Amino acid sequence: MDRTYLNKLSKEILDACIAVHKAIGPGLLESVYEACLMHEFKLRGIKAKNQVVLPLIYKGQEISKDFRIDILVEDEIIIEVKSVDAILPVHGKG
């Protein structure tokens, strides 16, 4: 994908996240924010899928453990929805 397109898409995602937060405020469950964000993306014509399952591949072998992506936008950008007071190191990728 073109870098300019990804930058524009990232800005649109951030705008959508801010719109959701302004509309419903803090303190709700992550699943609520995820559902509202998916609706916001739909309103904006942004292609997104939620709860996307990715297989775990280790040394070329698929292991019977899946990863779940909260939201995958335009098959390019992964969103991990968090509803916490502060982001801690444990919330990052391992």
N, C-alpha and C. Protein backbone atom coordinates (compact mmCIF):
# COMPACT_ATOMS: atom_id res chain seq x y z
N MET A 1 0.83 -1.19 0.00
CA MET A 1 0.00 0.00 0.00
C MET A 1 0.87 1.25 0.00
N ASP A 2 0.36 2.26 -0.59
CA ASP A 2 1.02 3.55 -0.69
C ASP A 2 1.07 4.24 0.69
N ARG A 3 2.22 4.80 1.01
CA ARG A 3 2.41 5.45 2.31
C ARG A 3 1.43 6.61 2.52
N THR A 4 1.18 7.38 1.48
CA THR A 4 0.24 8.50 1.58
C THR A 4 -1.15 8.00 1.95
N TYR A 5 -1.57 6.91 1.30
CA TYR A 5 -2.88 6.32 1.60
C TYR A 5 -2.94 5.85 3.04
N LEU A 6 -1.89 5.17 3.51
CA LEU A 6 -1.87 4.66 4.89
C LEU A 6 -1.90 5.80 5.90
N ASN A 7 -1.21 6.90 5.60
CA ASN A 7 -1.24 8.06 6.50
C ASN A 7 -2.64 8.67 6.55
N LYS A 8 -3.30 8.77 5.38
CA LYS A 8 -4.67 9.28 5.34
C LYS A 8 -5.62 8.35 6.09
N LEU A 9 -5.45 7.05 5.89
CA LEU A 9 -6.29 6.07 6.58
C LEU A 9 -6.07 6.14 8.09
N SER A 10 -4.82 6.26 8.52
CA SER A 10 -4.51 6.37 9.95
C SER A 10 -5.19 7.58 10.56
N LYS A 11 -5.17 8.70 9.85
CA LYS A 11 -5.84 9.91 10.34
C LYS A 11 -7.34 9.68 10.46
N GLU A 12 -7.93 9.01 9.47
CA GLU A 12 -9.36 8.73 9.49
C GLU A 12 -9.72 7.80 10.66
N ILE A 13 -8.85 6.81 10.93
CA ILE A 13 -9.07 5.90 12.06
C ILE A 13 -9.02 6.68 13.37
N LEU A 14 -8.03 7.53 13.52
CA LEU A 14 -7.91 8.33 14.74
C LEU A 14 -9.13 9.24 14.91
N ASP A 15 -9.57 9.86 13.84
CA ASP A 15 -10.77 10.71 13.90
C ASP A 15 -11.99 9.90 14.33
N ALA A 16 -12.11 8.67 13.82
CA ALA A 16 -13.23 7.80 14.19
C ALA A 16 -13.16 7.44 15.67
N CYS A 17 -11.97 7.14 16.16
CA CYS A 17 -11.79 6.79 17.57
C CYS A 17 -12.18 7.96 18.47
N ILE A 18 -11.77 9.16 18.08
CA ILE A 18 -12.11 10.35 18.85
C ILE A 18 -13.62 10.58 18.83
N ALA A 19 -14.25 10.38 17.68
CA ALA A 19 -15.70 10.55 17.56
C ALA A 19 -16.44 9.60 18.50
N VAL A 20 -15.99 8.34 18.54
CA VAL A 20 -16.62 7.36 19.44
C VAL A 20 -16.43 7.79 20.89
N HIS A 21 -15.23 8.19 21.24
CA HIS A 21 -14.97 8.58 22.63
C HIS A 21 -15.80 9.80 23.02
N LYS A 22 -15.92 10.77 22.13
CA LYS A 22 -16.73 11.96 22.42
C LYS A 22 -18.20 11.59 22.58
N ALA A 23 -18.66 10.63 21.79
CA ALA A 23 -20.09 10.26 21.82
C ALA A 23 -20.46 9.45 23.05
N ILE A 24 -19.61 8.52 23.47
CA ILE A 24 -20.01 7.63 24.57
C ILE A 24 -19.17 7.76 25.83
N GLY A 25 -18.04 8.50 25.75
CA GLY A 25 -17.24 8.76 26.94
C GLY A 25 -16.41 7.59 27.41
N PRO A 26 -15.75 7.77 28.55
CA PRO A 26 -14.86 6.74 29.10
C PRO A 26 -15.58 5.74 30.00
N GLY A 27 -14.87 4.67 30.34
CA GLY A 27 -15.31 3.77 31.39
C GLY A 27 -16.17 2.59 30.97
N LEU A 28 -16.36 2.39 29.68
CA LEU A 28 -17.19 1.28 29.22
C LEU A 28 -16.31 0.07 28.85
N LEU A 29 -16.95 -1.03 28.58
CA LEU A 29 -16.23 -2.24 28.20
C LEU A 29 -15.60 -2.09 26.82
N GLU A 30 -14.49 -2.79 26.61
CA GLU A 30 -13.82 -2.77 25.31
C GLU A 30 -14.76 -3.21 24.20
N SER A 31 -15.62 -4.18 24.47
CA SER A 31 -16.54 -4.68 23.44
C SER A 31 -17.51 -3.59 22.98
N VAL A 32 -17.87 -2.68 23.88
CA VAL A 32 -18.75 -1.56 23.52
C VAL A 32 -18.03 -0.61 22.56
N TYR A 33 -16.78 -0.27 22.91
CA TYR A 33 -16.00 0.62 22.04
C TYR A 33 -15.76 -0.04 20.68
N GLU A 34 -15.50 -1.33 20.69
CA GLU A 34 -15.27 -2.06 19.44
C GLU A 34 -16.52 -2.00 18.55
N ALA A 35 -17.68 -2.26 19.12
CA ALA A 35 -18.92 -2.24 18.35
C ALA A 35 -19.20 -0.83 17.80
N CYS A 36 -19.01 0.18 18.62
CA CYS A 36 -19.25 1.55 18.17
C CYS A 36 -18.24 1.97 17.10
N LEU A 37 -17.01 1.56 17.27
CA LEU A 37 -15.98 1.88 16.29
C LEU A 37 -16.27 1.19 14.95
N MET A 38 -16.72 -0.04 14.99
CA MET A 38 -17.10 -0.73 13.75
C MET A 38 -18.24 0.02 13.06
N HIS A 39 -19.20 0.52 13.83
CA HIS A 39 -20.31 1.29 13.26
C HIS A 39 -19.78 2.60 12.66
N GLU A 40 -18.88 3.25 13.38
CA GLU A 40 -18.30 4.51 12.89
C GLU A 40 -17.55 4.29 11.58
N PHE A 41 -16.82 3.19 11.50
CA PHE A 41 -16.11 2.88 10.25
C PHE A 41 -17.11 2.67 9.11
N LYS A 42 -18.19 1.98 9.39
CA LYS A 42 -19.22 1.74 8.37
C LYS A 42 -19.79 3.07 7.87
N LEU A 43 -20.09 3.98 8.81
CA LEU A 43 -20.61 5.29 8.43
C LEU A 43 -19.64 6.07 7.55
N ARG A 44 -18.35 5.85 7.76
CA ARG A 44 -17.32 6.56 7.01
C ARG A 44 -16.89 5.83 5.75
N GLY A 45 -17.48 4.67 5.50
CA GLY A 45 -17.11 3.90 4.31
C GLY A 45 -15.75 3.24 4.40
N ILE A 46 -15.31 2.97 5.62
CA ILE A 46 -14.02 2.32 5.84
C ILE A 46 -14.25 0.82 6.01
N LYS A 47 -13.56 0.02 5.23
CA LYS A 47 -13.70 -1.44 5.31
C LYS A 47 -12.95 -1.96 6.55
N ALA A 48 -13.68 -2.61 7.43
CA ALA A 48 -13.08 -3.14 8.66
C ALA A 48 -13.76 -4.45 9.04
N LYS A 49 -12.97 -5.34 9.65
CA LYS A 49 -13.49 -6.60 10.18
C LYS A 49 -13.07 -6.67 11.64
N ASN A 50 -13.95 -7.25 12.47
CA ASN A 50 -13.56 -7.38 13.88
C ASN A 50 -13.47 -8.85 14.28
N GLN A 51 -12.70 -9.08 15.34
CA GLN A 51 -12.45 -10.42 15.88
C GLN A 51 -11.92 -11.37 14.80
N VAL A 52 -10.92 -10.90 14.08
CA VAL A 52 -10.29 -11.67 13.01
C VAL A 52 -9.32 -12.67 13.62
N VAL A 53 -9.46 -13.92 13.25
CA VAL A 53 -8.61 -14.99 13.79
C VAL A 53 -7.39 -15.17 12.88
N LEU A 54 -6.22 -15.16 13.50
CA LEU A 54 -4.97 -15.43 12.79
C LEU A 54 -4.34 -16.68 13.39
N PRO A 55 -3.88 -17.59 12.56
CA PRO A 55 -3.23 -18.79 13.09
C PRO A 55 -1.84 -18.46 13.64
N LEU A 56 -1.40 -19.24 14.60
CA LEU A 56 -0.05 -19.12 15.13
C LEU A 56 0.85 -20.07 14.34
N ILE A 57 1.84 -19.51 13.66
CA ILE A 57 2.80 -20.30 12.91
C ILE A 57 4.14 -20.22 13.65
N TYR A 58 4.65 -21.37 14.03
CA TYR A 58 5.93 -21.44 14.74
C TYR A 58 6.85 -22.39 13.99
N LYS A 59 7.98 -21.84 13.54
CA LYS A 59 8.97 -22.62 12.78
C LYS A 59 8.31 -23.37 11.62
N GLY A 60 7.43 -22.65 10.92
CA GLY A 60 6.79 -23.20 9.75
C GLY A 60 5.62 -24.14 10.03
N GLN A 61 5.31 -24.36 11.29
CA GLN A 61 4.24 -25.28 11.66
C GLN A 61 3.10 -24.51 12.32
N GLU A 62 1.88 -24.80 11.88
CA GLU A 62 0.73 -24.17 12.53
C GLU A 62 0.47 -24.85 13.87
N ILE A 63 0.44 -24.04 14.92
CA ILE A 63 0.21 -24.51 16.28
C ILE A 63 -1.27 -24.31 16.61
N SER A 64 -1.84 -25.20 17.40
CA SER A 64 -3.27 -25.12 17.70
C SER A 64 -3.57 -24.01 18.71
N LYS A 65 -3.23 -22.80 18.33
CA LYS A 65 -3.50 -21.60 19.14
C LYS A 65 -3.70 -20.47 18.15
N ASP A 66 -4.77 -19.74 18.30
CA ASP A 66 -5.04 -18.62 17.40
C ASP A 66 -4.87 -17.30 18.11
N PHE A 67 -4.54 -16.29 17.34
CA PHE A 67 -4.56 -14.92 17.81
C PHE A 67 -5.85 -14.28 17.31
N ARG A 68 -6.40 -13.35 18.07
CA ARG A 68 -7.57 -12.60 17.63
C ARG A 68 -7.21 -11.13 17.54
N ILE A 69 -7.46 -10.57 16.37
CA ILE A 69 -7.27 -9.14 16.17
C ILE A 69 -8.62 -8.48 16.48
N ASP A 70 -8.61 -7.46 17.34
CA ASP A 70 -9.87 -6.78 17.66
C ASP A 70 -10.50 -6.22 16.38
N ILE A 71 -9.74 -5.39 15.66
CA ILE A 71 -10.25 -4.82 14.41
C ILE A 71 -9.12 -4.77 13.39
N LEU A 72 -9.41 -5.20 12.17
CA LEU A 72 -8.49 -5.10 11.05
C LEU A 72 -9.11 -4.15 10.04
N VAL A 73 -8.41 -3.05 9.78
CA VAL A 73 -8.93 -2.00 8.90
C VAL A 73 -8.27 -2.10 7.53
N GLU A 74 -9.10 -2.19 6.49
CA GLU A 74 -8.64 -2.22 5.10
C GLU A 74 -7.54 -3.28 4.89
N ASP A 75 -7.57 -4.35 5.64
CA ASP A 75 -6.57 -5.43 5.55
C ASP A 75 -5.14 -4.92 5.72
N GLU A 76 -4.98 -3.79 6.40
CA GLU A 76 -3.66 -3.17 6.55
C GLU A 76 -3.31 -2.78 7.98
N ILE A 77 -4.28 -2.27 8.72
CA ILE A 77 -3.99 -1.70 10.04
C ILE A 77 -4.74 -2.48 11.11
N ILE A 78 -4.00 -2.90 12.13
CA ILE A 78 -4.57 -3.65 13.25
C ILE A 78 -4.86 -2.69 14.40
N ILE A 79 -6.06 -2.81 14.96
CA ILE A 79 -6.44 -2.01 16.13
C ILE A 79 -6.70 -2.97 17.28
N GLU A 80 -6.02 -2.75 18.38
CA GLU A 80 -6.24 -3.49 19.62
C GLU A 80 -6.97 -2.52 20.55
N VAL A 81 -8.24 -2.77 20.80
CA VAL A 81 -9.06 -1.86 21.60
C VAL A 81 -8.72 -2.06 23.07
N LYS A 82 -8.48 -0.95 23.77
CA LYS A 82 -8.21 -0.99 25.21
C LYS A 82 -9.11 0.01 25.92
N SER A 83 -9.57 -0.39 27.08
CA SER A 83 -10.40 0.48 27.91
C SER A 83 -9.81 0.45 29.32
N VAL A 84 -8.75 1.22 29.50
CA VAL A 84 -8.03 1.27 30.77
C VAL A 84 -7.66 2.71 31.09
N ASP A 85 -7.30 2.96 32.34
CA ASP A 85 -6.88 4.30 32.74
C ASP A 85 -5.54 4.69 32.13
N ALA A 86 -4.66 3.71 31.98
CA ALA A 86 -3.33 3.96 31.42
C ALA A 86 -2.87 2.69 30.70
N ILE A 87 -2.09 2.89 29.64
CA ILE A 87 -1.51 1.77 28.91
C ILE A 87 -0.24 1.34 29.64
N LEU A 88 -0.18 0.09 30.00
CA LEU A 88 0.96 -0.48 30.70
C LEU A 88 1.77 -1.36 29.74
N PRO A 89 3.01 -1.70 30.10
CA PRO A 89 3.82 -2.57 29.23
C PRO A 89 3.12 -3.89 28.90
N VAL A 90 2.32 -4.41 29.81
CA VAL A 90 1.62 -5.68 29.58
C VAL A 90 0.63 -5.58 28.41
N HIS A 91 0.18 -4.36 28.07
CA HIS A 91 -0.78 -4.17 26.98
C HIS A 91 -0.10 -4.21 25.62
N GLY A 92 1.22 -4.12 25.58
CA GLY A 92 1.95 -4.15 24.31
C GLY A 92 2.09 -5.55 23.78
N LYS A 93 2.63 -5.64 22.59
CA LYS A 93 2.83 -6.97 22.03
C LYS A 93 3.95 -7.67 22.81
N GLY A 94 3.83 -8.97 22.93
CA GLY A 94 4.76 -9.74 23.75
C GLY A 94 5.97 -10.21 23.06
